[in-house]
Amino acid sequence: MPDFNPNRVMHGNGGTAWWNGKKLTTLQSVEAKVTGDFEDINVCGDPATYRIYNGYLGEGTLVWLKIDSDVLVQMAEAFRTGIMPEITVITAQTQKGTNKVERVAYSDITVDEFMLAKFEKKAKTEQEVPFKFGNFEILETL
């Protein structure tokens, strides 16, 4: 591990994301994680519990300030017709001072729910899209 330099600590201001190639210019937050699916295994004569790997679940959430209806239109059409679109998301976070970037691509994305309307008086309107993904690829590392 390199020597600690506080100027190299990752900061959310260096983050961005793309939805099917379109940059989310008003991005507020990103969360994407992989959760392992493990099964407990016990055998006679051994008090230990072992675990075997069965796969993983990928899921995340994107939040951005709403300035258009692109995702609403795309998802509404998909849910009305039953024909789900191919969706790819790419996230990137730049390390200040080095211009190094951590980039991850997510594919085989499904969106289980989306908001038709959500707003309140004297508040900015955000679009929040929770998603699940089947595959991911680490494109760049720090």
N, C-alpha and C. Protein backbone atom coordinates (compact mmCIF):
# COMPACT_ATOMS: atom_id res chain seq x y z
N MET A 1 0.85 -1.18 0.00
CA MET A 1 0.00 0.00 0.00
C MET A 1 0.89 1.24 0.00
N PRO A 2 0.59 2.24 -0.84
CA PRO A 2 1.41 3.45 -0.88
C PRO A 2 1.28 4.25 0.41
N ASP A 3 2.25 5.15 0.63
CA ASP A 3 2.18 6.02 1.80
C ASP A 3 0.89 6.83 1.76
N PHE A 4 0.37 7.11 2.95
CA PHE A 4 -0.89 7.85 3.03
C PHE A 4 -0.70 9.29 2.59
N ASN A 5 -1.57 9.73 1.71
CA ASN A 5 -1.60 11.11 1.26
C ASN A 5 -3.07 11.53 1.26
N PRO A 6 -3.46 12.42 2.17
CA PRO A 6 -4.88 12.78 2.26
C PRO A 6 -5.44 13.39 0.98
N ASN A 7 -4.57 13.93 0.13
CA ASN A 7 -5.04 14.50 -1.13
C ASN A 7 -5.48 13.42 -2.11
N ARG A 8 -5.18 12.17 -1.81
CA ARG A 8 -5.54 11.07 -2.71
C ARG A 8 -6.80 10.33 -2.27
N VAL A 9 -7.39 10.77 -1.16
CA VAL A 9 -8.61 10.13 -0.68
C VAL A 9 -9.72 10.39 -1.69
N MET A 10 -10.39 9.33 -2.08
CA MET A 10 -11.46 9.45 -3.07
C MET A 10 -12.59 10.32 -2.52
N HIS A 11 -13.19 11.12 -3.40
CA HIS A 11 -14.25 12.04 -3.01
C HIS A 11 -15.39 11.91 -4.02
N GLY A 12 -16.60 11.97 -3.54
CA GLY A 12 -17.76 11.81 -4.41
C GLY A 12 -17.86 12.83 -5.53
N ASN A 13 -17.24 13.99 -5.35
CA ASN A 13 -17.28 15.00 -6.41
C ASN A 13 -16.59 14.52 -7.68
N GLY A 14 -15.75 13.51 -7.57
CA GLY A 14 -15.05 12.97 -8.74
C GLY A 14 -15.81 11.85 -9.42
N GLY A 15 -17.06 11.65 -9.05
CA GLY A 15 -17.83 10.53 -9.59
C GLY A 15 -18.77 10.92 -10.72
N THR A 16 -19.01 9.98 -11.60
CA THR A 16 -19.98 10.16 -12.68
C THR A 16 -20.51 8.80 -13.11
N ALA A 17 -21.59 8.81 -13.87
CA ALA A 17 -22.18 7.56 -14.34
C ALA A 17 -22.84 7.79 -15.70
N TRP A 18 -22.95 6.71 -16.46
CA TRP A 18 -23.59 6.73 -17.77
C TRP A 18 -24.67 5.66 -17.81
N TRP A 19 -25.83 6.00 -18.31
CA TRP A 19 -26.96 5.08 -18.50
C TRP A 19 -27.08 4.84 -20.00
N ASN A 20 -26.74 3.65 -20.44
CA ASN A 20 -26.76 3.32 -21.87
C ASN A 20 -26.01 4.36 -22.70
N GLY A 21 -24.86 4.77 -22.21
CA GLY A 21 -24.02 5.71 -22.94
C GLY A 21 -24.33 7.17 -22.71
N LYS A 22 -25.44 7.47 -22.05
CA LYS A 22 -25.80 8.87 -21.78
C LYS A 22 -25.30 9.26 -20.39
N LYS A 23 -24.47 10.29 -20.35
CA LYS A 23 -23.93 10.75 -19.07
C LYS A 23 -25.04 11.33 -18.21
N LEU A 24 -25.08 10.92 -16.96
CA LEU A 24 -26.05 11.45 -16.01
C LEU A 24 -25.42 12.71 -15.41
N THR A 25 -25.64 13.85 -16.06
CA THR A 25 -24.93 15.09 -15.71
C THR A 25 -25.32 15.64 -14.35
N THR A 26 -26.47 15.26 -13.82
CA THR A 26 -26.91 15.77 -12.52
C THR A 26 -26.85 14.68 -11.45
N LEU A 27 -25.95 13.74 -11.62
CA LEU A 27 -25.81 12.61 -10.69
C LEU A 27 -25.63 13.09 -9.26
N GLN A 28 -26.35 12.47 -8.34
CA GLN A 28 -26.26 12.79 -6.92
C GLN A 28 -25.59 11.68 -6.13
N SER A 29 -25.90 10.43 -6.47
CA SER A 29 -25.27 9.32 -5.74
C SER A 29 -25.35 8.03 -6.55
N VAL A 30 -24.40 7.16 -6.24
CA VAL A 30 -24.32 5.84 -6.86
C VAL A 30 -24.04 4.84 -5.75
N GLU A 31 -24.70 3.72 -5.83
CA GLU A 31 -24.36 2.59 -4.97
C GLU A 31 -24.51 1.34 -5.81
N ALA A 32 -23.47 0.52 -5.83
CA ALA A 32 -23.54 -0.77 -6.52
C ALA A 32 -22.75 -1.77 -5.71
N LYS A 33 -23.33 -2.93 -5.49
CA LYS A 33 -22.64 -3.93 -4.68
C LYS A 33 -22.93 -5.33 -5.20
N VAL A 34 -22.06 -6.23 -4.82
CA VAL A 34 -22.21 -7.65 -5.14
C VAL A 34 -22.32 -8.40 -3.82
N THR A 35 -23.33 -9.24 -3.70
CA THR A 35 -23.53 -10.05 -2.51
C THR A 35 -23.37 -11.51 -2.89
N GLY A 36 -22.48 -12.20 -2.20
CA GLY A 36 -22.25 -13.61 -2.49
C GLY A 36 -23.40 -14.49 -2.00
N ASP A 37 -23.68 -15.53 -2.76
CA ASP A 37 -24.68 -16.53 -2.39
C ASP A 37 -23.90 -17.78 -1.96
N PHE A 38 -23.90 -18.05 -0.67
CA PHE A 38 -23.17 -19.18 -0.12
C PHE A 38 -24.13 -20.15 0.56
N GLU A 39 -23.78 -21.40 0.54
CA GLU A 39 -24.58 -22.44 1.19
C GLU A 39 -23.74 -23.09 2.28
N ASP A 40 -24.33 -23.22 3.47
CA ASP A 40 -23.62 -23.87 4.58
C ASP A 40 -23.57 -25.37 4.36
N ILE A 41 -22.43 -25.95 4.66
CA ILE A 41 -22.21 -27.39 4.54
C ILE A 41 -21.67 -27.90 5.87
N ASN A 42 -22.31 -28.94 6.40
CA ASN A 42 -21.86 -29.60 7.61
C ASN A 42 -21.67 -31.08 7.31
N VAL A 43 -20.65 -31.66 7.91
CA VAL A 43 -20.42 -33.09 7.72
C VAL A 43 -20.30 -33.77 9.07
N CYS A 44 -20.67 -35.03 9.10
CA CYS A 44 -20.60 -35.80 10.34
C CYS A 44 -19.16 -35.88 10.83
N GLY A 45 -18.99 -35.78 12.13
CA GLY A 45 -17.68 -35.92 12.73
C GLY A 45 -16.83 -34.66 12.69
N ASP A 46 -17.37 -33.57 12.17
CA ASP A 46 -16.62 -32.32 12.08
C ASP A 46 -17.53 -31.20 12.58
N PRO A 47 -17.15 -30.51 13.66
CA PRO A 47 -18.02 -29.49 14.22
C PRO A 47 -18.06 -28.18 13.40
N ALA A 48 -17.17 -28.05 12.45
CA ALA A 48 -17.09 -26.81 11.67
C ALA A 48 -18.23 -26.72 10.65
N THR A 49 -18.57 -25.50 10.32
CA THR A 49 -19.50 -25.24 9.23
C THR A 49 -18.69 -24.66 8.08
N TYR A 50 -18.82 -25.30 6.93
CA TYR A 50 -18.12 -24.85 5.73
C TYR A 50 -19.12 -24.18 4.82
N ARG A 51 -18.62 -23.43 3.88
CA ARG A 51 -19.52 -22.73 2.96
C ARG A 51 -19.05 -22.95 1.53
N ILE A 52 -20.01 -23.19 0.66
CA ILE A 52 -19.68 -23.29 -0.76
C ILE A 52 -20.36 -22.14 -1.50
N TYR A 53 -19.65 -21.66 -2.49
CA TYR A 53 -20.10 -20.51 -3.27
C TYR A 53 -21.04 -20.97 -4.37
N ASN A 54 -22.22 -20.34 -4.43
CA ASN A 54 -23.22 -20.69 -5.45
C ASN A 54 -23.40 -19.61 -6.51
N GLY A 55 -22.82 -18.45 -6.31
CA GLY A 55 -22.99 -17.35 -7.26
C GLY A 55 -23.09 -16.03 -6.52
N TYR A 56 -23.63 -15.04 -7.20
CA TYR A 56 -23.75 -13.72 -6.59
C TYR A 56 -24.99 -12.99 -7.09
N LEU A 57 -25.34 -11.95 -6.35
CA LEU A 57 -26.41 -11.03 -6.73
C LEU A 57 -25.79 -9.65 -6.82
N GLY A 58 -25.98 -8.99 -7.94
CA GLY A 58 -25.50 -7.62 -8.10
C GLY A 58 -26.68 -6.67 -8.07
N GLU A 59 -26.57 -5.62 -7.28
CA GLU A 59 -27.65 -4.65 -7.20
C GLU A 59 -27.10 -3.27 -6.89
N GLY A 60 -27.87 -2.26 -7.24
CA GLY A 60 -27.43 -0.90 -6.99
C GLY A 60 -28.56 0.09 -7.12
N THR A 61 -28.20 1.35 -6.93
CA THR A 61 -29.16 2.45 -7.05
C THR A 61 -28.43 3.66 -7.62
N LEU A 62 -29.06 4.30 -8.57
CA LEU A 62 -28.59 5.57 -9.11
C LEU A 62 -29.59 6.65 -8.73
N VAL A 63 -29.09 7.80 -8.34
CA VAL A 63 -29.95 8.94 -8.02
C VAL A 63 -29.40 10.16 -8.75
N TRP A 64 -30.27 10.83 -9.50
CA TRP A 64 -29.85 12.06 -10.17
C TRP A 64 -30.98 13.07 -10.12
N LEU A 65 -30.63 14.34 -10.32
CA LEU A 65 -31.64 15.39 -10.38
C LEU A 65 -32.39 15.25 -11.70
N LYS A 66 -33.69 15.29 -11.62
CA LYS A 66 -34.51 15.04 -12.82
C LYS A 66 -34.53 16.27 -13.73
N ILE A 67 -34.04 16.09 -14.96
CA ILE A 67 -34.07 17.16 -15.95
C ILE A 67 -34.73 16.71 -17.25
N ASP A 68 -35.03 15.41 -17.35
CA ASP A 68 -35.72 14.90 -18.54
C ASP A 68 -36.49 13.64 -18.16
N SER A 69 -37.18 13.07 -19.13
CA SER A 69 -38.00 11.88 -18.88
C SER A 69 -37.47 10.65 -19.60
N ASP A 70 -36.21 10.66 -20.00
CA ASP A 70 -35.66 9.57 -20.81
C ASP A 70 -35.83 8.19 -20.17
N VAL A 71 -35.43 8.07 -18.91
CA VAL A 71 -35.51 6.76 -18.24
C VAL A 71 -36.97 6.40 -17.98
N LEU A 72 -37.78 7.37 -17.60
CA LEU A 72 -39.21 7.12 -17.39
C LEU A 72 -39.85 6.56 -18.66
N VAL A 73 -39.58 7.17 -19.80
CA VAL A 73 -40.14 6.71 -21.07
C VAL A 73 -39.64 5.30 -21.40
N GLN A 74 -38.34 5.08 -21.23
CA GLN A 74 -37.76 3.76 -21.53
C GLN A 74 -38.38 2.67 -20.67
N MET A 75 -38.48 2.91 -19.37
CA MET A 75 -38.99 1.88 -18.47
C MET A 75 -40.50 1.71 -18.61
N ALA A 76 -41.23 2.80 -18.83
CA ALA A 76 -42.68 2.69 -19.03
C ALA A 76 -42.99 1.83 -20.25
N GLU A 77 -42.27 2.06 -21.34
CA GLU A 77 -42.46 1.26 -22.55
C GLU A 77 -42.15 -0.21 -22.29
N ALA A 78 -41.08 -0.46 -21.56
CA ALA A 78 -40.69 -1.84 -21.25
C ALA A 78 -41.76 -2.56 -20.43
N PHE A 79 -42.27 -1.90 -19.41
CA PHE A 79 -43.27 -2.53 -18.55
C PHE A 79 -44.61 -2.70 -19.27
N ARG A 80 -44.96 -1.75 -20.15
CA ARG A 80 -46.22 -1.86 -20.89
C ARG A 80 -46.16 -2.97 -21.93
N THR A 81 -45.03 -3.14 -22.61
CA THR A 81 -44.93 -4.12 -23.70
C THR A 81 -44.40 -5.46 -23.24
N GLY A 82 -43.71 -5.48 -22.10
CA GLY A 82 -43.08 -6.73 -21.65
C GLY A 82 -41.75 -7.00 -22.32
N ILE A 83 -41.29 -6.07 -23.15
CA ILE A 83 -39.99 -6.22 -23.82
C ILE A 83 -38.99 -5.36 -23.06
N MET A 84 -38.14 -6.03 -22.30
CA MET A 84 -37.18 -5.32 -21.46
C MET A 84 -35.98 -4.87 -22.30
N PRO A 85 -35.54 -3.64 -22.09
CA PRO A 85 -34.41 -3.12 -22.87
C PRO A 85 -33.08 -3.66 -22.36
N GLU A 86 -32.09 -3.65 -23.22
CA GLU A 86 -30.73 -3.95 -22.78
C GLU A 86 -30.18 -2.67 -22.16
N ILE A 87 -29.79 -2.77 -20.91
CA ILE A 87 -29.30 -1.59 -20.19
C ILE A 87 -27.89 -1.86 -19.72
N THR A 88 -27.03 -0.88 -19.92
CA THR A 88 -25.67 -0.92 -19.41
C THR A 88 -25.43 0.36 -18.62
N VAL A 89 -24.81 0.23 -17.47
CA VAL A 89 -24.43 1.38 -16.66
C VAL A 89 -22.93 1.32 -16.47
N ILE A 90 -22.30 2.46 -16.56
CA ILE A 90 -20.87 2.56 -16.25
C ILE A 90 -20.72 3.63 -15.18
N THR A 91 -19.97 3.30 -14.13
CA THR A 91 -19.66 4.27 -13.09
C THR A 91 -18.16 4.55 -13.14
N ALA A 92 -17.80 5.78 -12.79
CA ALA A 92 -16.39 6.17 -12.77
C ALA A 92 -16.17 7.14 -11.63
N GLN A 93 -15.04 6.99 -10.98
CA GLN A 93 -14.66 7.93 -9.93
C GLN A 93 -13.19 8.28 -10.12
N THR A 94 -12.92 9.58 -10.26
CA THR A 94 -11.57 10.06 -10.51
C THR A 94 -10.89 10.42 -9.20
N GLN A 95 -9.62 10.04 -9.09
CA GLN A 95 -8.83 10.38 -7.91
C GLN A 95 -8.19 11.74 -8.13
N LYS A 96 -8.54 12.68 -7.29
CA LYS A 96 -8.06 14.06 -7.41
C LYS A 96 -6.53 14.10 -7.38
N GLY A 97 -5.96 14.88 -8.26
CA GLY A 97 -4.51 15.07 -8.26
C GLY A 97 -3.73 14.06 -9.07
N THR A 98 -4.33 12.93 -9.38
CA THR A 98 -3.60 11.91 -10.15
C THR A 98 -4.27 11.63 -11.49
N ASN A 99 -5.53 12.01 -11.61
CA ASN A 99 -6.34 11.71 -12.79
C ASN A 99 -6.50 10.21 -13.03
N LYS A 100 -6.21 9.40 -12.02
CA LYS A 100 -6.49 7.97 -12.11
C LYS A 100 -7.99 7.78 -11.91
N VAL A 101 -8.53 6.78 -12.59
CA VAL A 101 -9.98 6.57 -12.56
C VAL A 101 -10.29 5.12 -12.22
N GLU A 102 -11.28 4.93 -11.37
CA GLU A 102 -11.81 3.60 -11.11
C GLU A 102 -13.14 3.52 -11.86
N ARG A 103 -13.21 2.62 -12.85
CA ARG A 103 -14.41 2.50 -13.68
C ARG A 103 -14.92 1.07 -13.64
N VAL A 104 -16.24 0.94 -13.54
CA VAL A 104 -16.89 -0.37 -13.52
C VAL A 104 -18.08 -0.32 -14.47
N ALA A 105 -18.23 -1.38 -15.27
CA ALA A 105 -19.38 -1.52 -16.16
C ALA A 105 -20.31 -2.59 -15.61
N TYR A 106 -21.60 -2.32 -15.66
CA TYR A 106 -22.63 -3.25 -15.20
C TYR A 106 -23.53 -3.57 -16.39
N SER A 107 -23.80 -4.85 -16.60
CA SER A 107 -24.64 -5.24 -17.74
C SER A 107 -25.68 -6.26 -17.30
N ASP A 108 -26.54 -6.63 -18.24
CA ASP A 108 -27.67 -7.51 -17.94
C ASP A 108 -28.49 -6.92 -16.80
N ILE A 109 -28.78 -5.65 -16.92
CA ILE A 109 -29.48 -4.89 -15.88
C ILE A 109 -30.99 -5.06 -16.01
N THR A 110 -31.62 -5.23 -14.86
CA THR A 110 -33.08 -5.18 -14.79
C THR A 110 -33.47 -4.10 -13.79
N VAL A 111 -34.56 -3.44 -14.08
CA VAL A 111 -35.12 -2.43 -13.18
C VAL A 111 -36.45 -2.99 -12.70
N ASP A 112 -36.55 -3.27 -11.40
CA ASP A 112 -37.75 -3.89 -10.85
C ASP A 112 -38.86 -2.89 -10.57
N GLU A 113 -38.49 -1.64 -10.35
CA GLU A 113 -39.49 -0.61 -10.06
C GLU A 113 -38.95 0.75 -10.49
N PHE A 114 -39.87 1.63 -10.82
CA PHE A 114 -39.50 3.01 -11.13
C PHE A 114 -40.66 3.91 -10.75
N MET A 115 -40.36 5.16 -10.47
CA MET A 115 -41.38 6.12 -10.04
C MET A 115 -42.02 6.79 -11.24
N LEU A 116 -43.33 6.82 -11.25
CA LEU A 116 -44.05 7.59 -12.27
C LEU A 116 -44.07 9.07 -11.88
N ALA A 117 -44.18 9.33 -10.59
CA ALA A 117 -44.15 10.71 -10.10
C ALA A 117 -43.68 10.71 -8.65
N LYS A 118 -42.84 11.69 -8.33
CA LYS A 118 -42.41 11.89 -6.95
C LYS A 118 -41.86 13.31 -6.87
N PHE A 119 -42.58 14.17 -6.18
CA PHE A 119 -42.12 15.54 -6.00
C PHE A 119 -42.79 16.14 -4.78
N GLU A 120 -42.22 17.22 -4.27
CA GLU A 120 -42.81 17.93 -3.15
C GLU A 120 -42.49 19.41 -3.29
N LYS A 121 -43.27 20.21 -2.62
CA LYS A 121 -43.10 21.66 -2.75
C LYS A 121 -41.73 22.09 -2.21
N LYS A 122 -41.17 23.10 -2.84
CA LYS A 122 -39.89 23.71 -2.45
C LYS A 122 -38.76 22.71 -2.33
N ALA A 123 -38.77 21.69 -3.16
CA ALA A 123 -37.70 20.68 -3.12
C ALA A 123 -37.32 20.29 -4.54
N LYS A 124 -36.05 20.05 -4.73
CA LYS A 124 -35.60 19.58 -6.04
C LYS A 124 -36.15 18.18 -6.27
N THR A 125 -36.39 17.83 -7.52
CA THR A 125 -36.93 16.52 -7.85
C THR A 125 -35.79 15.60 -8.26
N GLU A 126 -35.70 14.47 -7.60
CA GLU A 126 -34.67 13.48 -7.90
C GLU A 126 -35.30 12.26 -8.55
N GLN A 127 -34.55 11.66 -9.43
CA GLN A 127 -34.93 10.38 -10.05
C GLN A 127 -34.09 9.31 -9.36
N GLU A 128 -34.72 8.34 -8.75
CA GLU A 128 -34.01 7.24 -8.09
C GLU A 128 -34.37 5.95 -8.80
N VAL A 129 -33.35 5.24 -9.26
CA VAL A 129 -33.59 4.00 -10.00
C VAL A 129 -32.79 2.87 -9.36
N PRO A 130 -33.47 1.99 -8.60
CA PRO A 130 -32.80 0.79 -8.11
C PRO A 130 -32.72 -0.23 -9.24
N PHE A 131 -31.61 -0.96 -9.30
CA PHE A 131 -31.44 -1.93 -10.39
C PHE A 131 -30.70 -3.16 -9.89
N LYS A 132 -30.81 -4.22 -10.66
CA LYS A 132 -30.04 -5.44 -10.41
C LYS A 132 -29.26 -5.73 -11.68
N PHE A 133 -28.07 -6.32 -11.52
CA PHE A 133 -27.26 -6.62 -12.69
C PHE A 133 -26.73 -8.04 -12.63
N GLY A 134 -26.60 -8.64 -13.80
CA GLY A 134 -26.12 -10.01 -13.90
C GLY A 134 -24.62 -10.10 -14.03
N ASN A 135 -24.01 -9.12 -14.68
CA ASN A 135 -22.57 -9.14 -14.91
C ASN A 135 -21.96 -7.78 -14.60
N PHE A 136 -20.69 -7.81 -14.26
CA PHE A 136 -19.95 -6.57 -14.06
C PHE A 136 -18.52 -6.79 -14.52
N GLU A 137 -17.89 -5.70 -14.90
CA GLU A 137 -16.49 -5.77 -15.34
C GLU A 137 -15.77 -4.54 -14.80
N ILE A 138 -14.65 -4.77 -14.15
CA ILE A 138 -13.82 -3.67 -13.67
C ILE A 138 -12.97 -3.21 -14.85
N LEU A 139 -13.22 -1.99 -15.31
CA LEU A 139 -12.56 -1.48 -16.51
C LEU A 139 -11.24 -0.79 -16.22
N GLU A 140 -11.17 -0.06 -15.10
CA GLU A 140 -9.94 0.64 -14.71
C GLU A 140 -9.84 0.63 -13.20
N THR A 141 -8.61 0.62 -12.71
CA THR A 141 -8.38 0.68 -11.26
C THR A 141 -7.38 1.79 -10.96
N LEU A 142 -7.30 2.16 -9.71
CA LEU A 142 -6.39 3.23 -9.28
C LEU A 142 -4.96 2.75 -9.26
